[in-house]
Amino acid sequence: MIALIQRVTQAAVAIDGETVARIGPGVLALVAAEPDDTAAQATRLAERVLGYRIFADECGRMNHSTRQTGRQVLAVPQFTLAADTQRGNRPGFSSACPPARARELFDTFIDVLHARHTERIEQGVFGADMQVSLINDGPVTFWLHS
């Protein structure tokens, strides 16, 4: 599985002009599944998102995690992260997980976030045409692959 995580001061998801999810300071995680991904990989990726040290300590170094700082998480399913972009001018999506299985893996990812983190967890809507807005803090962005 893949997560593109961004440290944000705020982020939101809207569908048809209506906000369906919003967080303050925390992490926006764009999440995609690949065909051979498993529930164990979804679990590991969620744990990495919560444990990845991207928040500053008292010296300004990235030494604190989402879990340590009690920050919020907004997880958004985004199958385009699994696109094949190696040739041509159009992405191919044969490397993305089929939708039904991807939804199961995304749900597992969300369940693990809720089980391992007591702070606010918000999520986008699987399969929806979403508008994602954010203010990237830093900017700080990392690609995690399980």
N, C-alpha and C. Protein backbone atom coordinates (compact mmCIF):
# COMPACT_ATOMS: atom_id res chain seq x y z
N MET A 1 0.84 -1.19 0.00
CA MET A 1 0.00 0.00 0.00
C MET A 1 0.88 1.23 0.00
N ILE A 2 0.29 2.31 -0.42
CA ILE A 2 0.99 3.58 -0.56
C ILE A 2 0.25 4.65 0.24
N ALA A 3 1.02 5.50 0.91
CA ALA A 3 0.44 6.70 1.53
C ALA A 3 1.35 7.87 1.22
N LEU A 4 0.78 8.91 0.70
CA LEU A 4 1.48 10.17 0.55
C LEU A 4 1.00 11.01 1.72
N ILE A 5 1.89 11.27 2.68
CA ILE A 5 1.47 12.01 3.87
C ILE A 5 2.02 13.42 3.83
N GLN A 6 1.20 14.34 4.30
CA GLN A 6 1.58 15.74 4.35
C GLN A 6 1.27 16.30 5.73
N ARG A 7 2.23 16.98 6.30
CA ARG A 7 1.99 17.68 7.56
C ARG A 7 1.20 18.94 7.21
N VAL A 8 0.05 19.12 7.86
CA VAL A 8 -0.84 20.23 7.50
C VAL A 8 -1.22 21.04 8.74
N THR A 9 -1.55 22.30 8.49
CA THR A 9 -2.15 23.11 9.55
C THR A 9 -3.66 22.94 9.52
N GLN A 10 -4.17 22.58 8.33
CA GLN A 10 -5.59 22.24 8.19
C GLN A 10 -5.78 21.53 6.86
N ALA A 11 -6.84 20.72 6.78
CA ALA A 11 -7.18 20.03 5.54
C ALA A 11 -8.67 19.70 5.58
N ALA A 12 -9.25 19.58 4.39
CA ALA A 12 -10.68 19.28 4.31
C ALA A 12 -10.99 18.54 3.01
N VAL A 13 -12.10 17.82 3.02
CA VAL A 13 -12.61 17.15 1.84
C VAL A 13 -14.04 17.64 1.63
N ALA A 14 -14.33 18.04 0.39
CA ALA A 14 -15.68 18.45 0.03
C ALA A 14 -16.17 17.59 -1.13
N ILE A 15 -17.47 17.34 -1.13
CA ILE A 15 -18.12 16.65 -2.22
C ILE A 15 -19.33 17.49 -2.62
N ASP A 16 -19.38 17.84 -3.89
CA ASP A 16 -20.47 18.70 -4.40
C ASP A 16 -20.63 19.97 -3.56
N GLY A 17 -19.51 20.55 -3.17
CA GLY A 17 -19.53 21.81 -2.44
C GLY A 17 -19.80 21.69 -0.95
N GLU A 18 -20.05 20.48 -0.46
CA GLU A 18 -20.33 20.28 0.96
C GLU A 18 -19.13 19.61 1.64
N THR A 19 -18.65 20.21 2.72
CA THR A 19 -17.52 19.64 3.45
C THR A 19 -17.97 18.39 4.19
N VAL A 20 -17.26 17.28 3.92
CA VAL A 20 -17.60 16.00 4.55
C VAL A 20 -16.56 15.57 5.59
N ALA A 21 -15.40 16.21 5.58
CA ALA A 21 -14.35 15.90 6.55
C ALA A 21 -13.43 17.10 6.67
N ARG A 22 -12.95 17.34 7.90
CA ARG A 22 -12.07 18.49 8.13
C ARG A 22 -11.22 18.21 9.36
N ILE A 23 -9.94 18.61 9.29
CA ILE A 23 -9.06 18.53 10.45
C ILE A 23 -8.31 19.83 10.60
N GLY A 24 -7.80 20.03 11.81
CA GLY A 24 -6.87 21.12 12.08
C GLY A 24 -5.45 20.58 11.93
N PRO A 25 -4.53 21.00 12.77
CA PRO A 25 -3.15 20.55 12.64
C PRO A 25 -3.03 19.03 12.72
N GLY A 26 -2.29 18.48 11.77
CA GLY A 26 -2.11 17.03 11.75
C GLY A 26 -1.55 16.54 10.45
N VAL A 27 -2.08 15.40 9.99
CA VAL A 27 -1.57 14.73 8.80
C VAL A 27 -2.71 14.46 7.83
N LEU A 28 -2.48 14.83 6.58
CA LEU A 28 -3.34 14.42 5.49
C LEU A 28 -2.65 13.22 4.85
N ALA A 29 -3.35 12.09 4.77
CA ALA A 29 -2.79 10.88 4.16
C ALA A 29 -3.62 10.51 2.94
N LEU A 30 -3.00 10.59 1.77
CA LEU A 30 -3.62 10.11 0.55
C LEU A 30 -3.20 8.65 0.41
N VAL A 31 -4.17 7.74 0.28
CA VAL A 31 -3.90 6.31 0.42
C VAL A 31 -4.35 5.53 -0.81
N ALA A 32 -3.48 4.63 -1.29
CA ALA A 32 -3.81 3.77 -2.43
C ALA A 32 -3.39 2.34 -2.15
N ALA A 33 -4.12 1.41 -2.74
CA ALA A 33 -3.80 -0.01 -2.63
C ALA A 33 -3.34 -0.53 -3.98
N GLU A 34 -2.42 -1.49 -3.93
CA GLU A 34 -1.94 -2.17 -5.13
C GLU A 34 -2.47 -3.61 -5.11
N PRO A 35 -2.50 -4.28 -6.26
CA PRO A 35 -3.17 -5.58 -6.35
C PRO A 35 -2.74 -6.65 -5.35
N ASP A 36 -1.49 -6.71 -4.99
CA ASP A 36 -1.01 -7.76 -4.09
C ASP A 36 -1.02 -7.36 -2.62
N ASP A 37 -1.58 -6.21 -2.30
CA ASP A 37 -1.59 -5.74 -0.91
C ASP A 37 -2.50 -6.61 -0.04
N THR A 38 -2.14 -6.65 1.25
CA THR A 38 -2.87 -7.46 2.22
C THR A 38 -3.34 -6.59 3.39
N ALA A 39 -4.19 -7.18 4.21
CA ALA A 39 -4.65 -6.48 5.42
C ALA A 39 -3.47 -6.19 6.34
N ALA A 40 -2.49 -7.07 6.38
CA ALA A 40 -1.30 -6.84 7.21
C ALA A 40 -0.54 -5.61 6.72
N GLN A 41 -0.49 -5.41 5.42
CA GLN A 41 0.19 -4.23 4.89
C GLN A 41 -0.61 -2.96 5.19
N ALA A 42 -1.93 -3.05 5.15
CA ALA A 42 -2.77 -1.90 5.50
C ALA A 42 -2.56 -1.53 6.96
N THR A 43 -2.47 -2.54 7.81
CA THR A 43 -2.22 -2.32 9.23
C THR A 43 -0.86 -1.66 9.44
N ARG A 44 0.16 -2.21 8.79
CA ARG A 44 1.52 -1.67 8.94
C ARG A 44 1.58 -0.22 8.44
N LEU A 45 0.91 0.08 7.33
CA LEU A 45 0.94 1.43 6.80
C LEU A 45 0.27 2.41 7.75
N ALA A 46 -0.86 2.02 8.33
CA ALA A 46 -1.54 2.89 9.30
C ALA A 46 -0.64 3.15 10.51
N GLU A 47 0.03 2.12 10.97
CA GLU A 47 0.95 2.28 12.10
C GLU A 47 2.10 3.21 11.75
N ARG A 48 2.60 3.11 10.52
CA ARG A 48 3.69 4.00 10.08
C ARG A 48 3.21 5.45 10.01
N VAL A 49 2.00 5.66 9.49
CA VAL A 49 1.46 7.02 9.41
C VAL A 49 1.39 7.63 10.80
N LEU A 50 0.91 6.87 11.77
CA LEU A 50 0.81 7.38 13.14
C LEU A 50 2.16 7.53 13.82
N GLY A 51 3.11 6.71 13.45
CA GLY A 51 4.41 6.72 14.12
C GLY A 51 5.50 7.50 13.42
N TYR A 52 5.25 7.93 12.17
CA TYR A 52 6.29 8.62 11.41
C TYR A 52 6.57 9.98 12.04
N ARG A 53 7.83 10.26 12.30
CA ARG A 53 8.20 11.46 13.05
C ARG A 53 8.37 12.65 12.11
N ILE A 54 7.31 13.46 12.00
CA ILE A 54 7.34 14.61 11.11
C ILE A 54 7.01 15.93 11.81
N PHE A 55 6.86 15.87 13.14
CA PHE A 55 6.57 17.08 13.91
C PHE A 55 7.80 17.47 14.73
N ALA A 56 7.99 18.76 14.87
CA ALA A 56 9.20 19.29 15.50
C ALA A 56 9.23 19.06 17.01
N ASP A 57 10.43 18.79 17.49
CA ASP A 57 10.67 18.74 18.93
C ASP A 57 11.07 20.14 19.40
N GLU A 58 11.51 20.26 20.64
CA GLU A 58 11.88 21.57 21.19
C GLU A 58 13.09 22.19 20.51
N CYS A 59 13.86 21.38 19.75
CA CYS A 59 15.03 21.90 19.02
C CYS A 59 14.72 22.15 17.54
N GLY A 60 13.47 21.91 17.15
CA GLY A 60 13.09 22.14 15.77
C GLY A 60 13.33 20.95 14.85
N ARG A 61 13.76 19.83 15.39
CA ARG A 61 14.00 18.64 14.58
C ARG A 61 12.73 17.80 14.48
N MET A 62 12.56 17.11 13.37
CA MET A 62 11.40 16.23 13.19
C MET A 62 11.61 14.96 14.02
N ASN A 63 11.18 15.02 15.27
CA ASN A 63 11.38 13.90 16.19
C ASN A 63 10.09 13.40 16.83
N HIS A 64 8.96 14.03 16.53
CA HIS A 64 7.70 13.63 17.15
C HIS A 64 6.71 13.15 16.10
N SER A 65 5.95 12.13 16.47
CA SER A 65 4.98 11.53 15.57
C SER A 65 3.58 12.10 15.80
N THR A 66 2.69 11.72 14.92
CA THR A 66 1.28 12.08 15.06
C THR A 66 0.75 11.57 16.40
N ARG A 67 1.09 10.33 16.71
CA ARG A 67 0.61 9.72 17.96
C ARG A 67 1.17 10.48 19.16
N GLN A 68 2.45 10.84 19.16
CA GLN A 68 3.06 11.54 20.29
C GLN A 68 2.49 12.93 20.50
N THR A 69 2.17 13.59 19.40
CA THR A 69 1.71 14.98 19.50
C THR A 69 0.19 15.10 19.62
N GLY A 70 -0.52 13.98 19.46
CA GLY A 70 -1.97 14.03 19.54
C GLY A 70 -2.61 14.78 18.39
N ARG A 71 -1.95 14.78 17.24
CA ARG A 71 -2.50 15.48 16.07
C ARG A 71 -3.60 14.66 15.41
N GLN A 72 -4.34 15.32 14.54
CA GLN A 72 -5.45 14.70 13.84
C GLN A 72 -4.98 14.09 12.51
N VAL A 73 -5.80 13.20 11.96
CA VAL A 73 -5.48 12.56 10.69
C VAL A 73 -6.70 12.64 9.77
N LEU A 74 -6.46 13.03 8.53
CA LEU A 74 -7.47 12.97 7.48
C LEU A 74 -6.95 12.00 6.44
N ALA A 75 -7.62 10.86 6.27
CA ALA A 75 -7.23 9.84 5.30
C ALA A 75 -8.15 9.92 4.10
N VAL A 76 -7.57 9.97 2.91
CA VAL A 76 -8.33 10.11 1.68
C VAL A 76 -7.92 9.00 0.71
N PRO A 77 -8.88 8.18 0.26
CA PRO A 77 -8.54 7.16 -0.73
C PRO A 77 -8.21 7.83 -2.06
N GLN A 78 -7.06 7.42 -2.64
CA GLN A 78 -6.65 8.04 -3.91
C GLN A 78 -5.93 7.01 -4.76
N PHE A 79 -6.70 6.29 -5.58
CA PHE A 79 -6.15 5.21 -6.38
C PHE A 79 -5.11 5.68 -7.39
N THR A 80 -5.11 6.95 -7.76
CA THR A 80 -4.16 7.44 -8.76
C THR A 80 -2.71 7.35 -8.28
N LEU A 81 -2.48 7.22 -6.97
CA LEU A 81 -1.12 7.05 -6.47
C LEU A 81 -0.50 5.74 -6.97
N ALA A 82 -1.33 4.77 -7.31
CA ALA A 82 -0.84 3.48 -7.78
C ALA A 82 -0.72 3.42 -9.31
N ALA A 83 -0.87 4.53 -9.98
CA ALA A 83 -0.83 4.57 -11.45
C ALA A 83 0.56 4.24 -11.97
N ASP A 84 0.58 3.65 -13.16
CA ASP A 84 1.83 3.41 -13.89
C ASP A 84 2.09 4.65 -14.74
N THR A 85 3.16 5.36 -14.43
CA THR A 85 3.49 6.60 -15.13
C THR A 85 4.84 6.52 -15.85
N GLN A 86 5.33 5.30 -16.06
CA GLN A 86 6.68 5.14 -16.58
C GLN A 86 6.83 5.44 -18.06
N ARG A 87 5.74 5.41 -18.82
CA ARG A 87 5.88 5.69 -20.25
C ARG A 87 4.65 6.43 -20.75
N GLY A 88 4.85 7.13 -21.84
CA GLY A 88 3.74 7.84 -22.46
C GLY A 88 3.31 9.07 -21.69
N ASN A 89 2.20 9.63 -22.12
CA ASN A 89 1.68 10.86 -21.52
C ASN A 89 0.33 10.66 -20.85
N ARG A 90 -0.02 9.41 -20.62
CA ARG A 90 -1.29 9.11 -19.95
C ARG A 90 -1.03 8.01 -18.93
N PRO A 91 -1.53 8.18 -17.70
CA PRO A 91 -1.30 7.16 -16.68
C PRO A 91 -2.09 5.89 -16.99
N GLY A 92 -1.52 4.76 -16.58
CA GLY A 92 -2.22 3.48 -16.68
C GLY A 92 -2.61 3.04 -15.28
N PHE A 93 -3.76 2.40 -15.16
CA PHE A 93 -4.25 2.04 -13.83
C PHE A 93 -4.32 0.54 -13.59
N SER A 94 -3.67 -0.25 -14.44
CA SER A 94 -3.66 -1.69 -14.22
C SER A 94 -2.86 -2.06 -12.98
N SER A 95 -2.04 -1.16 -12.50
CA SER A 95 -1.24 -1.42 -11.30
C SER A 95 -1.99 -1.04 -10.01
N ALA A 96 -3.21 -0.55 -10.15
CA ALA A 96 -4.03 -0.22 -8.97
C ALA A 96 -4.87 -1.43 -8.58
N CYS A 97 -5.17 -1.52 -7.32
CA CYS A 97 -5.98 -2.61 -6.80
C CYS A 97 -7.42 -2.48 -7.30
N PRO A 98 -8.09 -3.60 -7.62
CA PRO A 98 -9.51 -3.51 -8.00
C PRO A 98 -10.33 -2.83 -6.90
N PRO A 99 -11.34 -2.06 -7.28
CA PRO A 99 -12.07 -1.23 -6.32
C PRO A 99 -12.62 -1.95 -5.08
N ALA A 100 -13.23 -3.10 -5.24
CA ALA A 100 -13.82 -3.78 -4.07
C ALA A 100 -12.75 -4.15 -3.05
N ARG A 101 -11.64 -4.68 -3.53
CA ARG A 101 -10.54 -5.05 -2.63
C ARG A 101 -9.88 -3.80 -2.05
N ALA A 102 -9.71 -2.76 -2.85
CA ALA A 102 -9.11 -1.51 -2.38
C ALA A 102 -9.94 -0.90 -1.26
N ARG A 103 -11.26 -0.98 -1.39
CA ARG A 103 -12.15 -0.45 -0.35
C ARG A 103 -11.94 -1.21 0.96
N GLU A 104 -11.84 -2.54 0.88
CA GLU A 104 -11.60 -3.36 2.08
C GLU A 104 -10.29 -2.95 2.75
N LEU A 105 -9.25 -2.77 1.95
CA LEU A 105 -7.95 -2.40 2.51
C LEU A 105 -7.97 -1.00 3.10
N PHE A 106 -8.65 -0.07 2.44
CA PHE A 106 -8.78 1.28 2.98
C PHE A 106 -9.55 1.25 4.30
N ASP A 107 -10.61 0.45 4.35
CA ASP A 107 -11.38 0.31 5.59
C ASP A 107 -10.52 -0.27 6.71
N THR A 108 -9.68 -1.24 6.39
CA THR A 108 -8.76 -1.79 7.38
C THR A 108 -7.81 -0.71 7.88
N PHE A 109 -7.27 0.07 6.95
CA PHE A 109 -6.38 1.19 7.28
C PHE A 109 -7.07 2.14 8.27
N ILE A 110 -8.31 2.51 7.98
CA ILE A 110 -9.08 3.42 8.84
C ILE A 110 -9.33 2.78 10.20
N ASP A 111 -9.71 1.50 10.21
CA ASP A 111 -9.97 0.81 11.48
C ASP A 111 -8.74 0.81 12.38
N VAL A 112 -7.58 0.61 11.80
CA VAL A 112 -6.33 0.61 12.57
C VAL A 112 -6.04 2.01 13.11
N LEU A 113 -6.26 3.04 12.31
CA LEU A 113 -6.06 4.41 12.80
C LEU A 113 -6.93 4.65 14.03
N HIS A 114 -8.20 4.27 13.95
CA HIS A 114 -9.12 4.46 15.08
C HIS A 114 -8.69 3.65 16.30
N ALA A 115 -8.21 2.44 16.09
CA ALA A 115 -7.83 1.57 17.20
C ALA A 115 -6.55 2.02 17.90
N ARG A 116 -5.66 2.67 17.15
CA ARG A 116 -4.34 3.00 17.69
C ARG A 116 -4.14 4.47 18.03
N HIS A 117 -5.16 5.29 17.74
CA HIS A 117 -4.99 6.74 17.95
C HIS A 117 -6.30 7.29 18.51
N THR A 118 -6.20 7.96 19.63
CA THR A 118 -7.40 8.44 20.31
C THR A 118 -7.88 9.79 19.78
N GLU A 119 -7.05 10.46 18.99
CA GLU A 119 -7.45 11.78 18.47
C GLU A 119 -8.37 11.62 17.27
N ARG A 120 -8.82 12.74 16.77
CA ARG A 120 -9.78 12.77 15.68
C ARG A 120 -9.21 12.17 14.40
N ILE A 121 -9.96 11.22 13.84
CA ILE A 121 -9.64 10.62 12.55
C ILE A 121 -10.81 10.93 11.63
N GLU A 122 -10.52 11.57 10.52
CA GLU A 122 -11.53 11.88 9.51
C GLU A 122 -11.16 11.14 8.23
N GLN A 123 -12.12 11.00 7.33
CA GLN A 123 -11.81 10.30 6.09
C GLN A 123 -12.63 10.83 4.93
N GLY A 124 -12.03 10.68 3.74
CA GLY A 124 -12.74 10.98 2.52
C GLY A 124 -13.68 9.83 2.20
N VAL A 125 -14.40 9.95 1.09
CA VAL A 125 -15.40 8.96 0.70
C VAL A 125 -14.86 8.14 -0.46
N PHE A 126 -14.75 6.84 -0.24
CA PHE A 126 -14.20 5.95 -1.26
C PHE A 126 -15.04 6.04 -2.54
N GLY A 127 -14.37 6.25 -3.67
CA GLY A 127 -15.03 6.27 -4.97
C GLY A 127 -15.71 7.57 -5.33
N ALA A 128 -15.71 8.54 -4.44
CA ALA A 128 -16.37 9.82 -4.71
C ALA A 128 -15.44 10.78 -5.45
N ASP A 129 -16.04 11.73 -6.14
CA ASP A 129 -15.30 12.83 -6.75
C ASP A 129 -15.13 13.89 -5.66
N MET A 130 -13.95 13.93 -5.08
CA MET A 130 -13.70 14.78 -3.92
C MET A 130 -12.83 15.98 -4.29
N GLN A 131 -13.03 17.07 -3.58
CA GLN A 131 -12.13 18.20 -3.67
C GLN A 131 -11.40 18.27 -2.32
N VAL A 132 -10.09 18.14 -2.38
CA VAL A 132 -9.27 18.13 -1.17
C VAL A 132 -8.54 19.45 -1.08
N SER A 133 -8.70 20.12 0.04
CA SER A 133 -7.97 21.36 0.26
C SER A 133 -7.08 21.19 1.48
N LEU A 134 -5.93 21.86 1.45
CA LEU A 134 -5.00 21.73 2.56
C LEU A 134 -4.05 22.91 2.59
N ILE A 135 -3.51 23.13 3.77
CA ILE A 135 -2.38 24.03 3.92
C ILE A 135 -1.25 23.17 4.43
N ASN A 136 -0.28 22.91 3.54
CA ASN A 136 0.86 22.06 3.87
C ASN A 136 1.80 22.86 4.77
N ASP A 137 2.14 22.29 5.89
CA ASP A 137 2.98 22.96 6.89
C ASP A 137 4.43 22.61 6.66
N GLY A 138 5.19 23.53 6.11
CA GLY A 138 6.62 23.30 5.91
C GLY A 138 7.13 23.82 4.58
N PRO A 139 6.80 23.25 3.47
CA PRO A 139 5.99 22.06 3.25
C PRO A 139 6.73 20.79 3.66
N VAL A 140 5.98 19.87 4.21
CA VAL A 140 6.49 18.56 4.61
C VAL A 140 5.61 17.50 3.97
N THR A 141 6.22 16.70 3.09
CA THR A 141 5.50 15.65 2.38
C THR A 141 6.40 14.42 2.26
N PHE A 142 5.84 13.23 2.56
CA PHE A 142 6.60 11.98 2.46
C PHE A 142 5.76 10.92 1.79
N TRP A 143 6.46 10.04 1.05
CA TRP A 143 5.87 8.90 0.38
C TRP A 143 6.19 7.66 1.20
N LEU A 144 5.15 6.99 1.71
CA LEU A 144 5.35 5.75 2.48
C LEU A 144 4.80 4.59 1.66
N HIS A 145 5.55 3.51 1.63
CA HIS A 145 5.16 2.33 0.84
C HIS A 145 5.34 1.11 1.72
N SER A 146 4.29 0.32 1.88
CA SER A 146 4.43 -0.87 2.73
C SER A 146 4.52 -2.11 1.87
